[in-house]
Amino acid sequence: MKDDTTFFKRVYKVVRLIPSGRVSTYGLIAAYLGTPKSARIVGYAMNASHKIHDIPAHRVVNRIGLLTGKHHFSGTNLMKELLESEGVVIKKNLITNFQNIIWDPSIELH
């Protein structure tokens, strides 16, 4: 990425659209933005988003529904607690009903 700031802003615009009780993945967001090999950069954007209060970063997980970004939230279980408060069921840091709540911006926004 030549300009991470602009890319991060594009990521944040998509993440703000993820509905409560739903989750998306780093890869799905990257693909929607036209950069399917940039899932890791989406992760960097999520890590950097914690200073921005209106980014629901807790709704972005890895491709199998694992809460891989949980270490970047203040508090040991904050990511899990935020998702559970929206009705998401999690066991051992894995979303149990992942296929039912996945939000794919390529489908949902077109």
PDB file of N, CA and C in Angstrom:
ATOM      1  N   MET A   1       0.840  -1.171   0.000  1.00  0.00           N
ATOM      2  CA  MET A   1       0.000   0.000   0.000  1.00  0.00           C
ATOM      3  C   MET A   1       0.889   1.239   0.000  1.00  0.00           C
ATOM      4  N   LYS A   2       0.681   2.093  -0.934  1.00  0.00           N
ATOM      5  CA  LYS A   2       1.442   3.337  -0.970  1.00  0.00           C
ATOM      6  C   LYS A   2       0.959   4.320   0.081  1.00  0.00           C
ATOM      7  N   ASP A   3      -0.343   4.365   0.309  1.00  0.00           N
ATOM      8  CA  ASP A   3      -0.904   5.327   1.243  1.00  0.00           C
ATOM      9  C   ASP A   3      -1.815   4.592   2.218  1.00  0.00           C
ATOM     10  N   ASP A   4      -1.228   4.095   3.304  1.00  0.00           N
ATOM     11  CA  ASP A   4      -1.997   3.339   4.286  1.00  0.00           C
ATOM     12  C   ASP A   4      -3.119   4.169   4.896  1.00  0.00           C
ATOM     13  N   THR A   5      -2.915   5.453   5.086  1.00  0.00           N
ATOM     14  CA  THR A   5      -3.928   6.299   5.700  1.00  0.00           C
ATOM     15  C   THR A   5      -5.215   6.275   4.888  1.00  0.00           C
ATOM     16  N   THR A   6      -5.114   6.438   3.595  1.00  0.00           N
ATOM     17  CA  THR A   6      -6.294   6.401   2.736  1.00  0.00           C
ATOM     18  C   THR A   6      -6.925   5.013   2.757  1.00  0.00           C
ATOM     19  N   PHE A   7      -6.121   3.981   2.696  1.00  0.00           N
ATOM     20  CA  PHE A   7      -6.644   2.616   2.737  1.00  0.00           C
ATOM     21  C   PHE A   7      -7.345   2.369   4.069  1.00  0.00           C
ATOM     22  N   PHE A   8      -6.739   2.780   5.164  1.00  0.00           N
ATOM     23  CA  PHE A   8      -7.350   2.611   6.479  1.00  0.00           C
ATOM     24  C   PHE A   8      -8.718   3.299   6.517  1.00  0.00           C
ATOM     25  N   LYS A   9      -8.813   4.493   5.963  1.00  0.00           N
ATOM     26  CA  LYS A   9     -10.093   5.215   5.947  1.00  0.00           C
ATOM     27  C   LYS A   9     -11.146   4.439   5.156  1.00  0.00           C
ATOM     28  N   ARG A  10     -10.726   3.828   4.058  1.00  0.00           N
ATOM     29  CA  ARG A  10     -11.654   3.013   3.273  1.00  0.00           C
ATOM     30  C   ARG A  10     -12.115   1.798   4.072  1.00  0.00           C
ATOM     31  N   VAL A  11     -11.191   1.178   4.801  1.00  0.00           N
ATOM     32  CA  VAL A  11     -11.532   0.043   5.662  1.00  0.00           C
ATOM     33  C   VAL A  11     -12.548   0.483   6.712  1.00  0.00           C
ATOM     34  N   TYR A  12     -12.281   1.602   7.360  1.00  0.00           N
ATOM     35  CA  TYR A  12     -13.168   2.088   8.429  1.00  0.00           C
ATOM     36  C   TYR A  12     -14.570   2.378   7.899  1.00  0.00           C
ATOM     37  N   LYS A  13     -14.642   2.895   6.695  1.00  0.00           N
ATOM     38  CA  LYS A  13     -15.953   3.186   6.091  1.00  0.00           C
ATOM     39  C   LYS A  13     -16.772   1.899   5.962  1.00  0.00           C
ATOM     40  N   VAL A  14     -16.125   0.809   5.559  1.00  0.00           N
ATOM     41  CA  VAL A  14     -16.814  -0.481   5.427  1.00  0.00           C
ATOM     42  C   VAL A  14     -17.162  -1.044   6.803  1.00  0.00           C
ATOM     43  N   VAL A  15     -16.213  -1.016   7.722  1.00  0.00           N
ATOM     44  CA  VAL A  15     -16.430  -1.601   9.049  1.00  0.00           C
ATOM     45  C   VAL A  15     -17.574  -0.903   9.777  1.00  0.00           C
ATOM     46  N   ARG A  16     -17.722   0.373   9.588  1.00  0.00           N
ATOM     47  CA  ARG A  16     -18.832   1.109  10.225  1.00  0.00           C
ATOM     48  C   ARG A  16     -20.197   0.590   9.755  1.00  0.00           C
ATOM     49  N   LEU A  17     -20.242  -0.086   8.620  1.00  0.00           N
ATOM     50  CA  LEU A  17     -21.496  -0.583   8.061  1.00  0.00           C
ATOM     51  C   LEU A  17     -21.878  -1.982   8.553  1.00  0.00           C
ATOM     52  N   ILE A  18     -20.970  -2.657   9.247  1.00  0.00           N
ATOM     53  CA  ILE A  18     -21.277  -4.006   9.743  1.00  0.00           C
ATOM     54  C   ILE A  18     -22.359  -3.882  10.819  1.00  0.00           C
ATOM     55  N   PRO A  19     -23.485  -4.529  10.614  1.00  0.00           N
ATOM     56  CA  PRO A  19     -24.579  -4.405  11.583  1.00  0.00           C
ATOM     57  C   PRO A  19     -24.252  -5.067  12.926  1.00  0.00           C
ATOM     58  N   SER A  20     -24.865  -4.566  13.954  1.00  0.00           N
ATOM     59  CA  SER A  20     -24.750  -5.174  15.275  1.00  0.00           C
ATOM     60  C   SER A  20     -25.195  -6.633  15.199  1.00  0.00           C
ATOM     61  N   GLY A  21     -24.462  -7.514  15.854  1.00  0.00           N
ATOM     62  CA  GLY A  21     -24.799  -8.932  15.847  1.00  0.00           C
ATOM     63  C   GLY A  21     -24.277  -9.692  14.649  1.00  0.00           C
ATOM     64  N   ARG A  22     -23.550  -9.009  13.785  1.00  0.00           N
ATOM     65  CA  ARG A  22     -22.956  -9.632  12.595  1.00  0.00           C
ATOM     66  C   ARG A  22     -21.448  -9.403  12.649  1.00  0.00           C
ATOM     67  N   VAL A  23     -20.693 -10.186  11.899  1.00  0.00           N
ATOM     68  CA  VAL A  23     -19.243 -10.021  11.820  1.00  0.00           C
ATOM     69  C   VAL A  23     -18.784 -10.146  10.378  1.00  0.00           C
ATOM     70  N   SER A  24     -17.637  -9.574  10.106  1.00  0.00           N
ATOM     71  CA  SER A  24     -16.995  -9.737   8.806  1.00  0.00           C
ATOM     72  C   SER A  24     -15.567 -10.198   9.063  1.00  0.00           C
ATOM     73  N   THR A  25     -14.843 -10.446   7.986  1.00  0.00           N
ATOM     74  CA  THR A  25     -13.457 -10.901   8.138  1.00  0.00           C
ATOM     75  C   THR A  25     -12.505  -9.922   7.465  1.00  0.00           C
ATOM     76  N   TYR A  26     -11.260 -10.012   7.863  1.00  0.00           N
ATOM     77  CA  TYR A  26     -10.224  -9.183   7.259  1.00  0.00           C
ATOM     78  C   TYR A  26     -10.193  -9.412   5.748  1.00  0.00           C
ATOM     79  N   GLY A  27     -10.272 -10.670   5.352  1.00  0.00           N
ATOM     80  CA  GLY A  27     -10.205 -11.024   3.934  1.00  0.00           C
ATOM     81  C   GLY A  27     -11.397 -10.545   3.124  1.00  0.00           C
ATOM     82  N   LEU A  28     -12.596 -10.662   3.676  1.00  0.00           N
ATOM     83  CA  LEU A  28     -13.783 -10.197   2.958  1.00  0.00           C
ATOM     84  C   LEU A  28     -13.742  -8.688   2.746  1.00  0.00           C
ATOM     85  N   ILE A  29     -13.276  -7.974   3.750  1.00  0.00           N
ATOM     86  CA  ILE A  29     -13.168  -6.517   3.622  1.00  0.00           C
ATOM     87  C   ILE A  29     -12.113  -6.158   2.588  1.00  0.00           C
ATOM     88  N   ALA A  30     -10.970  -6.831   2.634  1.00  0.00           N
ATOM     89  CA  ALA A  30      -9.906  -6.576   1.661  1.00  0.00           C
ATOM     90  C   ALA A  30     -10.395  -6.848   0.240  1.00  0.00           C
ATOM     91  N   ALA A  31     -11.090  -7.968   0.049  1.00  0.00           N
ATOM     92  CA  ALA A  31     -11.604  -8.315  -1.282  1.00  0.00           C
ATOM     93  C   ALA A  31     -12.592  -7.268  -1.768  1.00  0.00           C
ATOM     94  N   TYR A  32     -13.488  -6.823  -0.886  1.00  0.00           N
ATOM     95  CA  TYR A  32     -14.461  -5.803  -1.259  1.00  0.00           C
ATOM     96  C   TYR A  32     -13.774  -4.521  -1.716  1.00  0.00           C
ATOM     97  N   LEU A  33     -12.663  -4.181  -1.073  1.00  0.00           N
ATOM     98  CA  LEU A  33     -11.925  -2.965  -1.420  1.00  0.00           C
ATOM     99  C   LEU A  33     -11.039  -3.138  -2.657  1.00  0.00           C
ATOM    100  N   GLY A  34     -11.099  -4.323  -3.271  1.00  0.00           N
ATOM    101  CA  GLY A  34     -10.344  -4.555  -4.498  1.00  0.00           C
ATOM    102  C   GLY A  34      -8.901  -4.962  -4.276  1.00  0.00           C
ATOM    103  N   THR A  35      -8.563  -5.318  -3.036  1.00  0.00           N
ATOM    104  CA  THR A  35      -7.199  -5.736  -2.707  1.00  0.00           C
ATOM    105  C   THR A  35      -7.245  -7.050  -1.922  1.00  0.00           C
ATOM    106  N   PRO A  36      -7.630  -8.143  -2.590  1.00  0.00           N
ATOM    107  CA  PRO A  36      -7.880  -9.399  -1.883  1.00  0.00           C
ATOM    108  C   PRO A  36      -6.682  -9.961  -1.113  1.00  0.00           C
ATOM    109  N   LYS A  37      -5.483  -9.533  -1.433  1.00  0.00           N
ATOM    110  CA  LYS A  37      -4.307 -10.033  -0.713  1.00  0.00           C
ATOM    111  C   LYS A  37      -3.890  -9.112   0.429  1.00  0.00           C
ATOM    112  N   SER A  38      -4.760  -8.194   0.798  1.00  0.00           N
ATOM    113  CA  SER A  38      -4.434  -7.200   1.829  1.00  0.00           C
ATOM    114  C   SER A  38      -5.142  -7.444   3.157  1.00  0.00           C
ATOM    115  N   ALA A  39      -5.512  -8.670   3.448  1.00  0.00           N
ATOM    116  CA  ALA A  39      -6.201  -8.960   4.708  1.00  0.00           C
ATOM    117  C   ALA A  39      -5.354  -8.522   5.901  1.00  0.00           C
ATOM    118  N   ARG A  40      -4.071  -8.712   5.826  1.00  0.00           N
ATOM    119  CA  ARG A  40      -3.193  -8.319   6.928  1.00  0.00           C
ATOM    120  C   ARG A  40      -3.219  -6.800   7.140  1.00  0.00           C
ATOM    121  N   ILE A  41      -3.293  -6.051   6.051  1.00  0.00           N
ATOM    122  CA  ILE A  41      -3.350  -4.585   6.166  1.00  0.00           C
ATOM    123  C   ILE A  41      -4.683  -4.165   6.790  1.00  0.00           C
ATOM    124  N   VAL A  42      -5.754  -4.890   6.477  1.00  0.00           N
ATOM    125  CA  VAL A  42      -7.037  -4.624   7.134  1.00  0.00           C
ATOM    126  C   VAL A  42      -6.877  -4.848   8.640  1.00  0.00           C
ATOM    127  N   GLY A  43      -6.144  -5.885   9.009  1.00  0.00           N
ATOM    128  CA  GLY A  43      -5.862  -6.140  10.421  1.00  0.00           C
ATOM    129  C   GLY A  43      -5.091  -4.994  11.056  1.00  0.00           C
ATOM    130  N   TYR A  44      -4.119  -4.465  10.347  1.00  0.00           N
ATOM    131  CA  TYR A  44      -3.370  -3.309  10.855  1.00  0.00           C
ATOM    132  C   TYR A  44      -4.305  -2.114  11.052  1.00  0.00           C
ATOM    133  N   ALA A  45      -5.224  -1.937  10.118  1.00  0.00           N
ATOM    134  CA  ALA A  45      -6.186  -0.840  10.242  1.00  0.00           C
ATOM    135  C   ALA A  45      -7.060  -1.035  11.482  1.00  0.00           C
ATOM    136  N   MET A  46      -7.470  -2.274  11.732  1.00  0.00           N
ATOM    137  CA  MET A  46      -8.280  -2.542  12.922  1.00  0.00           C
ATOM    138  C   MET A  46      -7.476  -2.267  14.191  1.00  0.00           C
ATOM    139  N   ASN A  47      -6.219  -2.656  14.204  1.00  0.00           N
ATOM    140  CA  ASN A  47      -5.368  -2.396  15.373  1.00  0.00           C
ATOM    141  C   ASN A  47      -5.226  -0.902  15.619  1.00  0.00           C
ATOM    142  N   ALA A  48      -5.137  -0.132  14.557  1.00  0.00           N
ATOM    143  CA  ALA A  48      -4.971   1.323  14.668  1.00  0.00           C
ATOM    144  C   ALA A  48      -6.280   2.035  14.974  1.00  0.00           C
ATOM    145  N   SER A  49      -7.388   1.337  14.863  1.00  0.00           N
ATOM    146  CA  SER A  49      -8.698   1.985  14.998  1.00  0.00           C
ATOM    147  C   SER A  49      -9.141   2.189  16.435  1.00  0.00           C
ATOM    148  N   HIS A  50      -8.441   1.644  17.382  1.00  0.00           N
ATOM    149  CA  HIS A  50      -8.910   1.684  18.768  1.00  0.00           C
ATOM    150  C   HIS A  50      -8.931   3.087  19.369  1.00  0.00           C
ATOM    151  N   LYS A  51      -8.304   4.023  18.718  1.00  0.00           N
ATOM    152  CA  LYS A  51      -8.348   5.415  19.185  1.00  0.00           C
ATOM    153  C   LYS A  51      -9.513   6.173  18.548  1.00  0.00           C
ATOM    154  N   ILE A  52     -10.210   5.516  17.617  1.00  0.00           N
ATOM    155  CA  ILE A  52     -11.347   6.124  16.928  1.00  0.00           C
ATOM    156  C   ILE A  52     -12.602   5.477  17.507  1.00  0.00           C
ATOM    157  N   HIS A  53     -13.460   6.248  18.106  1.00  0.00           N
ATOM    158  CA  HIS A  53     -14.551   5.686  18.902  1.00  0.00           C
ATOM    159  C   HIS A  53     -15.715   5.095  18.107  1.00  0.00           C
ATOM    160  N   ASP A  54     -15.850   5.416  16.847  1.00  0.00           N
ATOM    161  CA  ASP A  54     -17.024   4.909  16.121  1.00  0.00           C
ATOM    162  C   ASP A  54     -16.697   3.758  15.169  1.00  0.00           C
ATOM    163  N   ILE A  55     -15.577   3.098  15.373  1.00  0.00           N
ATOM    164  CA  ILE A  55     -15.202   1.948  14.547  1.00  0.00           C
ATOM    165  C   ILE A  55     -15.503   0.673  15.340  1.00  0.00           C
ATOM    166  N   PRO A  56     -16.468  -0.151  14.909  1.00  0.00           N
ATOM    167  CA  PRO A  56     -16.771  -1.375  15.636  1.00  0.00           C
ATOM    168  C   PRO A  56     -15.785  -2.502  15.277  1.00  0.00           C
ATOM    169  N   ALA A  57     -14.532  -2.312  15.658  1.00  0.00           N
ATOM    170  CA  ALA A  57     -13.466  -3.258  15.310  1.00  0.00           C
ATOM    171  C   ALA A  57     -13.734  -4.655  15.862  1.00  0.00           C
ATOM    172  N   HIS A  58     -14.521  -4.747  16.915  1.00  0.00           N
ATOM    173  CA  HIS A  58     -14.830  -6.062  17.495  1.00  0.00           C
ATOM    174  C   HIS A  58     -15.614  -6.939  16.526  1.00  0.00           C
ATOM    175  N   ARG A  59     -16.191  -6.366  15.487  1.00  0.00           N
ATOM    176  CA  ARG A  59     -16.983  -7.125  14.518  1.00  0.00           C
ATOM    177  C   ARG A  59     -16.145  -7.676  13.363  1.00  0.00           C
ATOM    178  N   VAL A  60     -14.827  -7.528  13.441  1.00  0.00           N
ATOM    179  CA  VAL A  60     -13.954  -8.055  12.392  1.00  0.00           C
ATOM    180  C   VAL A  60     -13.107  -9.172  12.994  1.00  0.00           C
ATOM    181  N   VAL A  61     -13.230 -10.355  12.399  1.00  0.00           N
ATOM    182  CA  VAL A  61     -12.563 -11.559  12.904  1.00  0.00           C
ATOM    183  C   VAL A  61     -11.809 -12.244  11.762  1.00  0.00           C
ATOM    184  N   ASN A  62     -11.157 -13.347  12.073  1.00  0.00           N
ATOM    185  CA  ASN A  62     -10.439 -14.031  10.997  1.00  0.00           C
ATOM    186  C   ASN A  62     -11.392 -14.911  10.180  1.00  0.00           C
ATOM    187  N   ARG A  63     -10.873 -15.575   9.184  1.00  0.00           N
ATOM    188  CA  ARG A  63     -11.697 -16.277   8.195  1.00  0.00           C
ATOM    189  C   ARG A  63     -12.487 -17.467   8.735  1.00  0.00           C
ATOM    190  N   ILE A  64     -12.146 -17.945   9.935  1.00  0.00           N
ATOM    191  CA  ILE A  64     -12.914 -19.061  10.513  1.00  0.00           C
ATOM    192  C   ILE A  64     -13.741 -18.618  11.718  1.00  0.00           C
ATOM    193  N   GLY A  65     -13.750 -17.310  12.001  1.00  0.00           N
ATOM    194  CA  GLY A  65     -14.545 -16.799  13.110  1.00  0.00           C
ATOM    195  C   GLY A  65     -13.811 -16.749  14.440  1.00  0.00           C
ATOM    196  N   LEU A  66     -12.496 -16.819  14.390  1.00  0.00           N
ATOM    197  CA  LEU A  66     -11.673 -16.751  15.592  1.00  0.00           C
ATOM    198  C   LEU A  66     -11.400 -15.295  15.956  1.00  0.00           C
ATOM    199  N   LEU A  67     -11.461 -14.979  17.228  1.00  0.00           N
ATOM    200  CA  LEU A  67     -11.234 -13.611  17.702  1.00  0.00           C
ATOM    201  C   LEU A  67      -9.738 -13.319  17.779  1.00  0.00           C
ATOM    202  N   THR A  68      -9.083 -13.270  16.646  1.00  0.00           N
ATOM    203  CA  THR A  68      -7.632 -13.094  16.615  1.00  0.00           C
ATOM    204  C   THR A  68      -7.190 -11.700  17.029  1.00  0.00           C
ATOM    205  N   GLY A  69      -8.065 -10.713  16.931  1.00  0.00           N
ATOM    206  CA  GLY A  69      -7.691  -9.348  17.284  1.00  0.00           C
ATOM    207  C   GLY A  69      -7.951  -8.991  18.732  1.00  0.00           C
ATOM    208  N   LYS A  70      -8.354  -9.961  19.538  1.00  0.00           N
ATOM    209  CA  LYS A  70      -8.782  -9.675  20.909  1.00  0.00           C
ATOM    210  C   LYS A  70      -7.694  -9.052  21.774  1.00  0.00           C
ATOM    211  N   HIS A  71      -6.444  -9.311  21.467  1.00  0.00           N
ATOM    212  CA  HIS A  71      -5.337  -8.793  22.274  1.00  0.00           C
ATOM    213  C   HIS A  71      -5.147  -7.292  22.101  1.00  0.00           C
ATOM    214  N   HIS A  72      -5.763  -6.725  21.102  1.00  0.00           N
ATOM    215  CA  HIS A  72      -5.620  -5.296  20.833  1.00  0.00           C
ATOM    216  C   HIS A  72      -6.705  -4.458  21.520  1.00  0.00           C
ATOM    217  N   PHE A  73      -7.595  -5.117  22.234  1.00  0.00           N
ATOM    218  CA  PHE A  73      -8.647  -4.418  22.979  1.00  0.00           C
ATOM    219  C   PHE A  73      -8.201  -4.270  24.422  1.00  0.00           C
ATOM    220  N   SER A  74      -8.579  -3.150  25.026  1.00  0.00           N
ATOM    221  CA  SER A  74      -8.261  -2.999  26.443  1.00  0.00           C
ATOM    222  C   SER A  74      -9.125  -3.985  27.225  1.00  0.00           C
ATOM    223  N   GLY A  75      -8.548  -4.601  28.207  1.00  0.00           N
ATOM    224  CA  GLY A  75      -9.270  -5.625  28.953  1.00  0.00           C
ATOM    225  C   GLY A  75      -9.105  -6.973  28.289  1.00  0.00           C
ATOM    226  N   THR A  76      -9.041  -7.996  29.078  1.00  0.00           N
ATOM    227  CA  THR A  76      -8.761  -9.344  28.587  1.00  0.00           C
ATOM    228  C   THR A  76      -9.822  -9.884  27.645  1.00  0.00           C
ATOM    229  N   ASN A  77     -11.080  -9.621  27.948  1.00  0.00           N
ATOM    230  CA  ASN A  77     -12.176 -10.219  27.177  1.00  0.00           C
ATOM    231  C   ASN A  77     -13.094  -9.195  26.527  1.00  0.00           C
ATOM    232  N   LEU A  78     -12.627  -7.974  26.320  1.00  0.00           N
ATOM    233  CA  LEU A  78     -13.509  -6.921  25.826  1.00  0.00           C
ATOM    234  C   LEU A  78     -14.110  -7.246  24.460  1.00  0.00           C
ATOM    235  N   MET A  79     -13.325  -7.749  23.529  1.00  0.00           N
ATOM    236  CA  MET A  79     -13.848  -8.078  22.197  1.00  0.00           C
ATOM    237  C   MET A  79     -14.966  -9.116  22.318  1.00  0.00           C
ATOM    238  N   LYS A  80     -14.720 -10.148  23.087  1.00  0.00           N
ATOM    239  CA  LYS A  80     -15.718 -11.195  23.310  1.00  0.00           C
ATOM    240  C   LYS A  80     -16.968 -10.622  23.967  1.00  0.00           C
ATOM    241  N   GLU A  81     -16.782  -9.800  24.990  1.00  0.00           N
ATOM    242  CA  GLU A  81     -17.914  -9.216  25.703  1.00  0.00           C
ATOM    243  C   GLU A  81     -18.756  -8.320  24.793  1.00  0.00           C
ATOM    244  N   LEU A  82     -18.098  -7.538  23.950  1.00  0.00           N
ATOM    245  CA  LEU A  82     -18.833  -6.669  23.021  1.00  0.00           C
ATOM    246  C   LEU A  82     -19.663  -7.496  22.040  1.00  0.00           C
ATOM    247  N   LEU A  83     -19.071  -8.552  21.499  1.00  0.00           N
ATOM    248  CA  LEU A  83     -19.804  -9.408  20.563  1.00  0.00           C
ATOM    249  C   LEU A  83     -20.960 -10.125  21.263  1.00  0.00           C
ATOM    250  N   GLU A  84     -20.701 -10.639  22.448  1.00  0.00           N
ATOM    251  CA  GLU A  84     -21.757 -11.340  23.177  1.00  0.00           C
ATOM    252  C   GLU A  84     -22.903 -10.390  23.536  1.00  0.00           C
ATOM    253  N   SER A  85     -22.589  -9.132  23.807  1.00  0.00           N
ATOM    254  CA  SER A  85     -23.646  -8.164  24.123  1.00  0.00           C
ATOM    255  C   SER A  85     -24.537  -7.907  22.907  1.00  0.00           C
ATOM    256  N   GLU A  86     -24.048  -8.279  21.714  1.00  0.00           N
ATOM    257  CA  GLU A  86     -24.826  -8.135  20.479  1.00  0.00           C
ATOM    258  C   GLU A  86     -25.489  -9.453  20.077  1.00  0.00           C
ATOM    259  N   GLY A  87     -25.376 -10.473  20.933  1.00  0.00           N
ATOM    260  CA  GLY A  87     -26.025 -11.747  20.673  1.00  0.00           C
ATOM    261  C   GLY A  87     -25.159 -12.785  19.985  1.00  0.00           C
ATOM    262  N   VAL A  88     -23.892 -12.501  19.782  1.00  0.00           N
ATOM    263  CA  VAL A  88     -22.986 -13.453  19.135  1.00  0.00           C
ATOM    264  C   VAL A  88     -22.544 -14.486  20.171  1.00  0.00           C
ATOM    265  N   VAL A  89     -22.620 -15.763  19.803  1.00  0.00           N
ATOM    266  CA  VAL A  89     -22.253 -16.850  20.712  1.00  0.00           C
ATOM    267  C   VAL A  89     -20.801 -17.248  20.435  1.00  0.00           C
ATOM    268  N   ILE A  90     -19.995 -17.248  21.500  1.00  0.00           N
ATOM    269  CA  ILE A  90     -18.563 -17.521  21.372  1.00  0.00           C
ATOM    270  C   ILE A  90     -18.163 -18.590  22.379  1.00  0.00           C
ATOM    271  N   LYS A  91     -17.417 -19.572  21.909  1.00  0.00           N
ATOM    272  CA  LYS A  91     -16.853 -20.604  22.781  1.00  0.00           C
ATOM    273  C   LYS A  91     -15.381 -20.761  22.419  1.00  0.00           C
ATOM    274  N   LYS A  92     -14.535 -20.648  23.422  1.00  0.00           N
ATOM    275  CA  LYS A  92     -13.085 -20.768  23.236  1.00  0.00           C
ATOM    276  C   LYS A  92     -12.582 -19.808  22.157  1.00  0.00           C
ATOM    277  N   ASN A  93     -13.047 -18.561  22.218  1.00  0.00           N
ATOM    278  CA  ASN A  93     -12.659 -17.489  21.291  1.00  0.00           C
ATOM    279  C   ASN A  93     -13.057 -17.745  19.840  1.00  0.00           C
ATOM    280  N   LEU A  94     -14.001 -18.642  19.620  1.00  0.00           N
ATOM    281  CA  LEU A  94     -14.485 -18.965  18.276  1.00  0.00           C
ATOM    282  C   LEU A  94     -15.988 -18.731  18.222  1.00  0.00           C
ATOM    283  N   ILE A  95     -16.446 -18.029  17.188  1.00  0.00           N
ATOM    284  CA  ILE A  95     -17.872 -17.767  17.008  1.00  0.00           C
ATOM    285  C   ILE A  95     -18.542 -19.068  16.589  1.00  0.00           C
ATOM    286  N   THR A  96     -19.528 -19.499  17.366  1.00  0.00           N
ATOM    287  CA  THR A  96     -20.137 -20.807  17.118  1.00  0.00           C
ATOM    288  C   THR A  96     -21.079 -20.813  15.919  1.00  0.00           C
ATOM    289  N   ASN A  97     -21.769 -19.720  15.685  1.00  0.00           N
ATOM    290  CA  ASN A  97     -22.720 -19.648  14.569  1.00  0.00           C
ATOM    291  C   ASN A  97     -22.177 -18.756  13.451  1.00  0.00           C
ATOM    292  N   PHE A  98     -20.896 -18.854  13.211  1.00  0.00           N
ATOM    293  CA  PHE A  98     -20.183 -17.981  12.288  1.00  0.00           C
ATOM    294  C   PHE A  98     -20.830 -17.902  10.913  1.00  0.00           C
ATOM    295  N   GLN A  99     -21.167 -19.028  10.319  1.00  0.00           N
ATOM    296  CA  GLN A  99     -21.745 -19.032   8.965  1.00  0.00           C
ATOM    297  C   GLN A  99     -23.096 -18.329   8.906  1.00  0.00           C
ATOM    298  N   ASN A 100     -23.785 -18.263  10.023  1.00  0.00           N
ATOM    299  CA  ASN A 100     -25.109 -17.614  10.056  1.00  0.00           C
ATOM    300  C   ASN A 100     -25.039 -16.107  10.241  1.00  0.00           C
ATOM    301  N   ILE A 101     -23.917 -15.598  10.752  1.00  0.00           N
ATOM    302  CA  ILE A 101     -23.852 -14.162  11.043  1.00  0.00           C
ATOM    303  C   ILE A 101     -22.785 -13.432  10.224  1.00  0.00           C
ATOM    304  N   ILE A 102     -22.132 -14.136   9.326  1.00  0.00           N
ATOM    305  CA  ILE A 102     -21.085 -13.506   8.507  1.00  0.00           C
ATOM    306  C   ILE A 102     -21.707 -12.420   7.633  1.00  0.00           C
ATOM    307  N   TRP A 103     -21.023 -11.306   7.555  1.00  0.00           N
ATOM    308  CA  TRP A 103     -21.469 -10.164   6.757  1.00  0.00           C
ATOM    309  C   TRP A 103     -20.413  -9.920   5.675  1.00  0.00           C
ATOM    310  N   ASP A 104     -20.777 -10.195   4.441  1.00  0.00           N
ATOM    311  CA  ASP A 104     -19.862 -10.046   3.307  1.00  0.00           C
ATOM    312  C   ASP A 104     -20.216  -8.746   2.580  1.00  0.00           C
ATOM    313  N   PRO A 105     -19.361  -7.729   2.674  1.00  0.00           N
ATOM    314  CA  PRO A 105     -19.699  -6.456   2.033  1.00  0.00           C
ATOM    315  C   PRO A 105     -19.897  -6.561   0.519  1.00  0.00           C
ATOM    316  N   SER A 106     -19.262  -7.529  -0.111  1.00  0.00           N
ATOM    317  CA  SER A 106     -19.432  -7.710  -1.557  1.00  0.00           C
ATOM    318  C   SER A 106     -20.858  -8.103  -1.909  1.00  0.00           C
ATOM    319  N   ILE A 107     -21.522  -8.773  -0.981  1.00  0.00           N
ATOM    320  CA  ILE A 107     -22.916  -9.185  -1.194  1.00  0.00           C
ATOM    321  C   ILE A 107     -23.873  -8.151  -0.599  1.00  0.00           C
ATOM    322  N   GLU A 108     -23.597  -7.741   0.610  1.00  0.00           N
ATOM    323  CA  GLU A 108     -24.506  -6.867   1.342  1.00  0.00           C
ATOM    324  C   GLU A 108     -24.577  -5.438   0.788  1.00  0.00           C
ATOM    325  N   LEU A 109     -23.493  -4.974   0.165  1.00  0.00           N
ATOM    326  CA  LEU A 109     -23.450  -3.594  -0.305  1.00  0.00           C
ATOM    327  C   LEU A 109     -23.677  -3.451  -1.808  1.00  0.00           C
ATOM    328  N   HIS A 110     -24.067  -4.542  -2.459  1.00  0.00           N
ATOM    329  CA  HIS A 110     -24.356  -4.446  -3.897  1.00  0.00           C
ATOM    330  C   HIS A 110     -25.734  -4.931  -4.223  1.00  0.00           C
TER     331      HIS A 110
END
